[in-house]
PDB file of all heavy atoms in Angstrom:
ATOM      1  N   ILE A   1      21.889   2.788  12.791  1.00  0.00           N
ATOM      2  CA  ILE A   1      21.102   3.794  13.512  1.00  0.00           C
ATOM      3  C   ILE A   1      20.544   3.130  14.738  1.00  0.00           C
ATOM      4  O   ILE A   1      19.927   2.116  14.666  1.00  0.00           O
ATOM      5  CB  ILE A   1      19.984   4.400  12.613  1.00  0.00           C
ATOM      6  CG1 ILE A   1      20.537   4.893  11.304  1.00  0.00           C
ATOM      7  CG2 ILE A   1      19.294   5.531  13.364  1.00  0.00           C
ATOM      8  CD1 ILE A   1      21.517   5.937  11.370  1.00  0.00           C
ATOM      9  N   LEU A   2      20.698   3.804  15.849  1.00  0.00           N
ATOM     10  CA  LEU A   2      20.326   3.195  17.159  1.00  0.00           C
ATOM     11  C   LEU A   2      18.926   3.760  17.622  1.00  0.00           C
ATOM     12  O   LEU A   2      18.552   4.856  17.244  1.00  0.00           O
ATOM     13  CB  LEU A   2      21.369   3.479  18.219  1.00  0.00           C
ATOM     14  CG  LEU A   2      22.783   2.976  17.913  1.00  0.00           C
ATOM     15  CD1 LEU A   2      23.713   3.293  19.048  1.00  0.00           C
ATOM     16  CD2 LEU A   2      22.746   1.451  17.655  1.00  0.00           C
ATOM     17  N   SER A   3      18.342   3.024  18.497  1.00  0.00           N
ATOM     18  CA  SER A   3      17.028   3.376  18.996  1.00  0.00           C
ATOM     19  C   SER A   3      17.215   4.422  20.142  1.00  0.00           C
ATOM     20  O   SER A   3      18.296   4.893  20.441  1.00  0.00           O
ATOM     21  CB  SER A   3      16.361   2.146  19.569  1.00  0.00           C
ATOM     22  OG  SER A   3      17.140   1.603  20.655  1.00  0.00           O
ATOM     23  N   ASN A   4      16.079   4.741  20.801  1.00  0.00           N
ATOM     24  CA  ASN A   4      16.155   5.687  21.936  1.00  0.00           C
ATOM     25  C   ASN A   4      17.176   5.251  22.978  1.00  0.00           C
ATOM     26  O   ASN A   4      17.307   4.030  23.271  1.00  0.00           O
ATOM     27  CB  ASN A   4      14.760   5.808  22.595  1.00  0.00           C
ATOM     28  CG  ASN A   4      13.765   6.453  21.657  1.00  0.00           C
ATOM     29  OD1 ASN A   4      14.125   7.202  20.780  1.00  0.00           O
ATOM     30  ND2 ASN A   4      12.456   6.104  21.867  1.00  0.00           N
ATOM     31  N   ASN A   5      17.834   6.177  23.591  1.00  0.00           N
ATOM     32  CA  ASN A   5      18.863   5.915  24.597  1.00  0.00           C
ATOM     33  C   ASN A   5      20.009   5.034  24.043  1.00  0.00           C
ATOM     34  O   ASN A   5      20.663   4.327  24.811  1.00  0.00           O
ATOM     35  CB  ASN A   5      18.250   5.268  25.828  1.00  0.00           C
ATOM     36  CG  ASN A   5      17.720   6.274  26.807  1.00  0.00           C
ATOM     37  OD1 ASN A   5      18.367   7.245  27.115  1.00  0.00           O
ATOM     38  ND2 ASN A   5      16.497   6.069  27.190  1.00  0.00           N
ATOM     39  N   ASP A   6      20.195   5.135  22.724  1.00  0.00           N
ATOM     40  CA  ASP A   6      21.303   4.316  22.040  1.00  0.00           C
ATOM     41  C   ASP A   6      21.262   2.862  22.445  1.00  0.00           C
ATOM     42  O   ASP A   6      22.297   2.205  22.757  1.00  0.00           O
ATOM     43  CB  ASP A   6      22.664   4.922  22.440  1.00  0.00           C
ATOM     44  CG  ASP A   6      22.853   6.299  21.854  1.00  0.00           C
ATOM     45  OD1 ASP A   6      22.079   6.719  20.953  1.00  0.00           O
ATOM     46  OD2 ASP A   6      23.761   7.067  22.381  1.00  0.00           O
ATOM     47  N   GLY A   7      20.028   2.331  22.421  1.00  0.00           N
ATOM     48  CA  GLY A   7      19.873   0.889  22.871  1.00  0.00           C
ATOM     49  C   GLY A   7      20.239  -0.153  21.823  1.00  0.00           C
ATOM     50  O   GLY A   7      21.185  -0.873  22.017  1.00  0.00           O
ATOM     51  N   CYS A   8      19.479  -0.215  20.761  1.00  0.00           N
ATOM     52  CA  CYS A   8      19.713  -1.278  19.749  1.00  0.00           C
ATOM     53  C   CYS A   8      19.515  -0.794  18.362  1.00  0.00           C
ATOM     54  O   CYS A   8      19.040   0.398  18.136  1.00  0.00           O
ATOM     55  CB  CYS A   8      18.714  -2.459  19.993  1.00  0.00           C
ATOM     56  SG  CYS A   8      16.983  -1.983  19.935  1.00  0.00           S
ATOM     57  N   ILE A   9      19.830  -1.579  17.354  1.00  0.00           N
ATOM     58  CA  ILE A   9      19.765  -1.132  15.947  1.00  0.00           C
ATOM     59  C   ILE A   9      18.321  -1.086  15.471  1.00  0.00           C
ATOM     60  O   ILE A   9      17.599  -2.058  15.627  1.00  0.00           O
ATOM     61  CB  ILE A   9      20.623  -2.093  15.084  1.00  0.00           C
ATOM     62  CG1 ILE A   9      22.068  -2.074  15.526  1.00  0.00           C
ATOM     63  CG2 ILE A   9      20.479  -1.690  13.616  1.00  0.00           C
ATOM     64  CD1 ILE A   9      22.927  -3.075  14.771  1.00  0.00           C
ATOM     65  N   VAL A  10      17.989   0.066  14.890  1.00  0.00           N
ATOM     66  CA  VAL A  10      16.640   0.215  14.308  1.00  0.00           C
ATOM     67  C   VAL A  10      16.676   0.421  12.825  1.00  0.00           C
ATOM     68  O   VAL A  10      15.615   0.390  12.134  1.00  0.00           O
ATOM     69  CB  VAL A  10      15.824   1.344  15.006  1.00  0.00           C
ATOM     70  CG1 VAL A  10      15.533   1.046  16.464  1.00  0.00           C
ATOM     71  CG2 VAL A  10      16.572   2.670  14.862  1.00  0.00           C
ATOM     72  N   ALA A  11      17.849   0.714  12.246  1.00  0.00           N
ATOM     73  CA  ALA A  11      17.987   0.893  10.781  1.00  0.00           C
ATOM     74  C   ALA A  11      19.368   0.544  10.350  1.00  0.00           C
ATOM     75  O   ALA A  11      20.359   0.769  11.136  1.00  0.00           O
ATOM     76  CB  ALA A  11      17.664   2.361  10.402  1.00  0.00           C
ATOM     77  N   ARG A  12      19.499  -0.028   9.118  1.00  0.00           N
ATOM     78  CA  ARG A  12      20.805  -0.494   8.694  1.00  0.00           C
ATOM     79  C   ARG A  12      21.024  -0.045   7.260  1.00  0.00           C
ATOM     80  O   ARG A  12      20.118  -0.035   6.454  1.00  0.00           O
ATOM     81  CB  ARG A  12      20.944  -2.022   8.747  1.00  0.00           C
ATOM     82  CG  ARG A  12      20.731  -2.583  10.114  1.00  0.00           C
ATOM     83  CD  ARG A  12      20.499  -4.132   9.978  1.00  0.00           C
ATOM     84  NE  ARG A  12      19.289  -4.479   9.210  1.00  0.00           N
ATOM     85  CZ  ARG A  12      18.969  -5.686   8.775  1.00  0.00           C
ATOM     86  NH1 ARG A  12      19.861  -6.661   8.916  1.00  0.00           N
ATOM     87  NH2 ARG A  12      17.908  -5.876   8.109  1.00  0.00           N
ATOM     88  N   SER A  13      22.247   0.199   6.896  1.00  0.00           N
ATOM     89  CA  SER A  13      22.608   0.392   5.487  1.00  0.00           C
ATOM     90  C   SER A  13      22.763  -0.931   4.815  1.00  0.00           C
ATOM     91  O   SER A  13      22.854  -2.010   5.514  1.00  0.00           O
ATOM     92  CB  SER A  13      23.937   1.146   5.393  1.00  0.00           C
ATOM     93  OG  SER A  13      25.061   0.371   5.862  1.00  0.00           O
ATOM     94  N   ASN A  14      22.772  -0.976   3.505  1.00  0.00           N
ATOM     95  CA  ASN A  14      22.966  -2.254   2.798  1.00  0.00           C
ATOM     96  C   ASN A  14      24.314  -2.886   3.150  1.00  0.00           C
ATOM     97  O   ASN A  14      24.404  -4.119   3.185  1.00  0.00           O
ATOM     98  CB  ASN A  14      22.914  -2.009   1.266  1.00  0.00           C
ATOM     99  CG  ASN A  14      21.471  -1.678   0.791  1.00  0.00           C
ATOM    100  OD1 ASN A  14      20.510  -2.102   1.446  1.00  0.00           O
ATOM    101  ND2 ASN A  14      21.318  -0.988  -0.333  1.00  0.00           N
ATOM    102  N   GLU A  15      25.297  -2.070   3.339  1.00  0.00           N
ATOM    103  CA  GLU A  15      26.670  -2.595   3.712  1.00  0.00           C
ATOM    104  C   GLU A  15      26.596  -3.293   5.003  1.00  0.00           C
ATOM    105  O   GLU A  15      27.298  -4.299   5.257  1.00  0.00           O
ATOM    106  CB  GLU A  15      27.660  -1.442   3.781  1.00  0.00           C
ATOM    107  CG  GLU A  15      27.889  -0.773   2.430  1.00  0.00           C
ATOM    108  CD  GLU A  15      26.876   0.262   2.015  1.00  0.00           C
ATOM    109  OE1 GLU A  15      25.956   0.550   2.895  1.00  0.00           O
ATOM    110  OE2 GLU A  15      26.967   0.874   0.973  1.00  0.00           O
ATOM    111  N   LEU A  16      25.775  -2.787   5.989  1.00  0.00           N
ATOM    112  CA  LEU A  16      25.680  -3.421   7.294  1.00  0.00           C
ATOM    113  C   LEU A  16      24.855  -4.710   7.149  1.00  0.00           C
ATOM    114  O   LEU A  16      25.176  -5.749   7.835  1.00  0.00           O
ATOM    115  CB  LEU A  16      25.011  -2.504   8.267  1.00  0.00           C
ATOM    116  CG  LEU A  16      24.966  -2.946   9.726  1.00  0.00           C
ATOM    117  CD1 LEU A  16      26.387  -3.169  10.264  1.00  0.00           C
ATOM    118  CD2 LEU A  16      24.223  -2.008  10.615  1.00  0.00           C
ATOM    119  N   LYS A  17      23.821  -4.737   6.275  1.00  0.00           N
ATOM    120  CA  LYS A  17      23.038  -5.979   6.098  1.00  0.00           C
ATOM    121  C   LYS A  17      23.891  -7.061   5.566  1.00  0.00           C
ATOM    122  O   LYS A  17      23.758  -8.261   5.900  1.00  0.00           O
ATOM    123  CB  LYS A  17      21.867  -5.650   5.135  1.00  0.00           C
ATOM    124  CG  LYS A  17      20.812  -4.684   5.681  1.00  0.00           C
ATOM    125  CD  LYS A  17      19.823  -4.341   4.648  1.00  0.00           C
ATOM    126  CE  LYS A  17      18.850  -3.301   5.142  1.00  0.00           C
ATOM    127  NZ  LYS A  17      17.829  -2.837   4.117  1.00  0.00           N
ATOM    128  N   ALA A  18      24.880  -6.695   4.706  1.00  0.00           N
ATOM    129  CA  ALA A  18      25.787  -7.671   4.077  1.00  0.00           C
ATOM    130  C   ALA A  18      26.676  -8.340   5.153  1.00  0.00           C
ATOM    131  O   ALA A  18      27.199  -9.423   4.887  1.00  0.00           O
ATOM    132  CB  ALA A  18      26.624  -7.035   3.000  1.00  0.00           C
ATOM    133  N   LEU A  19      26.855  -7.685   6.261  1.00  0.00           N
ATOM    134  CA  LEU A  19      27.704  -8.263   7.354  1.00  0.00           C
ATOM    135  C   LEU A  19      26.841  -9.109   8.312  1.00  0.00           C
ATOM    136  O   LEU A  19      27.379  -9.599   9.271  1.00  0.00           O
ATOM    137  CB  LEU A  19      28.318  -7.122   8.134  1.00  0.00           C
ATOM    138  CG  LEU A  19      29.358  -6.278   7.406  1.00  0.00           C
ATOM    139  CD1 LEU A  19      29.790  -5.101   8.293  1.00  0.00           C
ATOM    140  CD2 LEU A  19      30.551  -7.122   6.968  1.00  0.00           C
ATOM    141  N   ASP A  20      25.553  -9.321   7.976  1.00  0.00           N
ATOM    142  CA  ASP A  20      24.631 -10.155   8.768  1.00  0.00           C
ATOM    143  C   ASP A  20      24.454  -9.652  10.174  1.00  0.00           C
ATOM    144  O   ASP A  20      24.330 -10.402  11.156  1.00  0.00           O
ATOM    145  CB  ASP A  20      25.134 -11.646   8.794  1.00  0.00           C
ATOM    146  CG  ASP A  20      24.982 -12.293   7.493  1.00  0.00           C
ATOM    147  OD1 ASP A  20      24.055 -12.018   6.714  1.00  0.00           O
ATOM    148  OD2 ASP A  20      25.857 -13.227   7.168  1.00  0.00           O
ATOM    149  N   VAL A  21      24.516  -8.300  10.303  1.00  0.00           N
ATOM    150  CA  VAL A  21      24.211  -7.660  11.561  1.00  0.00           C
ATOM    151  C   VAL A  21      22.674  -7.445  11.603  1.00  0.00           C
ATOM    152  O   VAL A  21      22.150  -6.709  10.798  1.00  0.00           O
ATOM    153  CB  VAL A  21      24.969  -6.393  11.757  1.00  0.00           C
ATOM    154  CG1 VAL A  21      24.569  -5.659  13.043  1.00  0.00           C
ATOM    155  CG2 VAL A  21      26.445  -6.585  11.755  1.00  0.00           C
ATOM    156  N   ASN A  22      21.993  -8.038  12.590  1.00  0.00           N
ATOM    157  CA  ASN A  22      20.564  -8.053  12.579  1.00  0.00           C
ATOM    158  C   ASN A  22      19.960  -6.840  13.242  1.00  0.00           C
ATOM    159  O   ASN A  22      20.589  -6.139  14.066  1.00  0.00           O
ATOM    160  CB  ASN A  22      20.058  -9.311  13.295  1.00  0.00           C
ATOM    161  CG  ASN A  22      20.425 -10.580  12.583  1.00  0.00           C
ATOM    162  OD1 ASN A  22      20.484 -10.631  11.343  1.00  0.00           O
ATOM    163  ND2 ASN A  22      20.749 -11.598  13.343  1.00  0.00           N
ATOM    164  N   MET A  23      18.718  -6.515  12.838  1.00  0.00           N
ATOM    165  CA  MET A  23      17.950  -5.474  13.510  1.00  0.00           C
ATOM    166  C   MET A  23      17.702  -5.845  14.983  1.00  0.00           C
ATOM    167  O   MET A  23      17.547  -7.075  15.321  1.00  0.00           O
ATOM    168  CB  MET A  23      16.587  -5.332  12.807  1.00  0.00           C
ATOM    169  CG  MET A  23      16.709  -4.691  11.455  1.00  0.00           C
ATOM    170  SD  MET A  23      16.964  -2.932  11.461  1.00  0.00           S
ATOM    171  CE  MET A  23      15.236  -2.356  11.725  1.00  0.00           C
ATOM    172  N   GLY A  24      17.637  -4.903  15.853  1.00  0.00           N
ATOM    173  CA  GLY A  24      17.362  -5.115  17.239  1.00  0.00           C
ATOM    174  C   GLY A  24      18.517  -5.542  18.092  1.00  0.00           C
ATOM    175  O   GLY A  24      18.391  -5.807  19.284  1.00  0.00           O
ATOM    176  N   LEU A  25      19.681  -5.657  17.475  1.00  0.00           N
ATOM    177  CA  LEU A  25      20.890  -6.087  18.243  1.00  0.00           C
ATOM    178  C   LEU A  25      21.305  -4.975  19.206  1.00  0.00           C
ATOM    179  O   LEU A  25      21.459  -3.796  18.794  1.00  0.00           O
ATOM    180  CB  LEU A  25      22.052  -6.349  17.266  1.00  0.00           C
ATOM    181  CG  LEU A  25      23.053  -7.364  17.656  1.00  0.00           C
ATOM    182  CD1 LEU A  25      22.463  -8.757  17.933  1.00  0.00           C
ATOM    183  CD2 LEU A  25      24.108  -7.462  16.577  1.00  0.00           C
ATOM    184  N   PRO A  26      21.510  -5.262  20.471  1.00  0.00           N
ATOM    185  CA  PRO A  26      21.937  -4.268  21.460  1.00  0.00           C
ATOM    186  C   PRO A  26      23.305  -3.672  21.081  1.00  0.00           C
ATOM    187  O   PRO A  26      24.235  -4.481  20.784  1.00  0.00           O
ATOM    188  CB  PRO A  26      21.947  -5.036  22.748  1.00  0.00           C
ATOM    189  CG  PRO A  26      21.042  -6.219  22.580  1.00  0.00           C
ATOM    190  CD  PRO A  26      21.225  -6.568  21.148  1.00  0.00           C
ATOM    191  N   TYR A  27      23.443  -2.433  21.167  1.00  0.00           N
ATOM    192  CA  TYR A  27      24.671  -1.774  20.764  1.00  0.00           C
ATOM    193  C   TYR A  27      25.867  -2.187  21.667  1.00  0.00           C
ATOM    194  O   TYR A  27      26.949  -2.455  21.171  1.00  0.00           O
ATOM    195  CB  TYR A  27      24.525  -0.246  20.758  1.00  0.00           C
ATOM    196  CG  TYR A  27      25.794   0.540  20.601  1.00  0.00           C
ATOM    197  CD1 TYR A  27      26.531   0.383  19.470  1.00  0.00           C
ATOM    198  CD2 TYR A  27      26.302   1.393  21.594  1.00  0.00           C
ATOM    199  CE1 TYR A  27      27.703   1.081  19.266  1.00  0.00           C
ATOM    200  CE2 TYR A  27      27.454   2.076  21.397  1.00  0.00           C
ATOM    201  CZ  TYR A  27      28.165   1.945  20.239  1.00  0.00           C
ATOM    202  OH  TYR A  27      29.333   2.636  20.060  1.00  0.00           O
ATOM    203  N   PHE A  28      25.642  -2.244  22.977  1.00  0.00           N
ATOM    204  CA  PHE A  28      26.770  -2.495  23.899  1.00  0.00           C
ATOM    205  C   PHE A  28      27.377  -3.878  23.673  1.00  0.00           C
ATOM    206  O   PHE A  28      28.516  -4.106  24.031  1.00  0.00           O
ATOM    207  CB  PHE A  28      26.321  -2.296  25.312  1.00  0.00           C
ATOM    208  CG  PHE A  28      25.429  -3.445  25.875  1.00  0.00           C
ATOM    209  CD1 PHE A  28      25.993  -4.520  26.522  1.00  0.00           C
ATOM    210  CD2 PHE A  28      24.054  -3.386  25.724  1.00  0.00           C
ATOM    211  CE1 PHE A  28      25.188  -5.559  27.017  1.00  0.00           C
ATOM    212  CE2 PHE A  28      23.254  -4.392  26.218  1.00  0.00           C
ATOM    213  CZ  PHE A  28      23.815  -5.451  26.851  1.00  0.00           C
ATOM    214  N   LYS A  29      26.563  -4.820  23.091  1.00  0.00           N
ATOM    215  CA  LYS A  29      27.108  -6.162  22.857  1.00  0.00           C
ATOM    216  C   LYS A  29      27.982  -6.279  21.626  1.00  0.00           C
ATOM    217  O   LYS A  29      28.626  -7.286  21.382  1.00  0.00           O
ATOM    218  CB  LYS A  29      25.988  -7.132  22.768  1.00  0.00           C
ATOM    219  CG  LYS A  29      25.251  -7.439  24.135  1.00  0.00           C
ATOM    220  CD  LYS A  29      24.194  -8.486  23.973  1.00  0.00           C
ATOM    221  CE  LYS A  29      23.556  -8.811  25.279  1.00  0.00           C
ATOM    222  NZ  LYS A  29      22.548  -9.899  25.181  1.00  0.00           N
TER     223      LYS A  29
END
């Protein structure tokens, strides 16, 4: 789930956490 203006990650499913994708990561990167 992305922040305002589709900026960065503000919420993750357990499946995404298992991939070591961190909170706050910019979407475009």
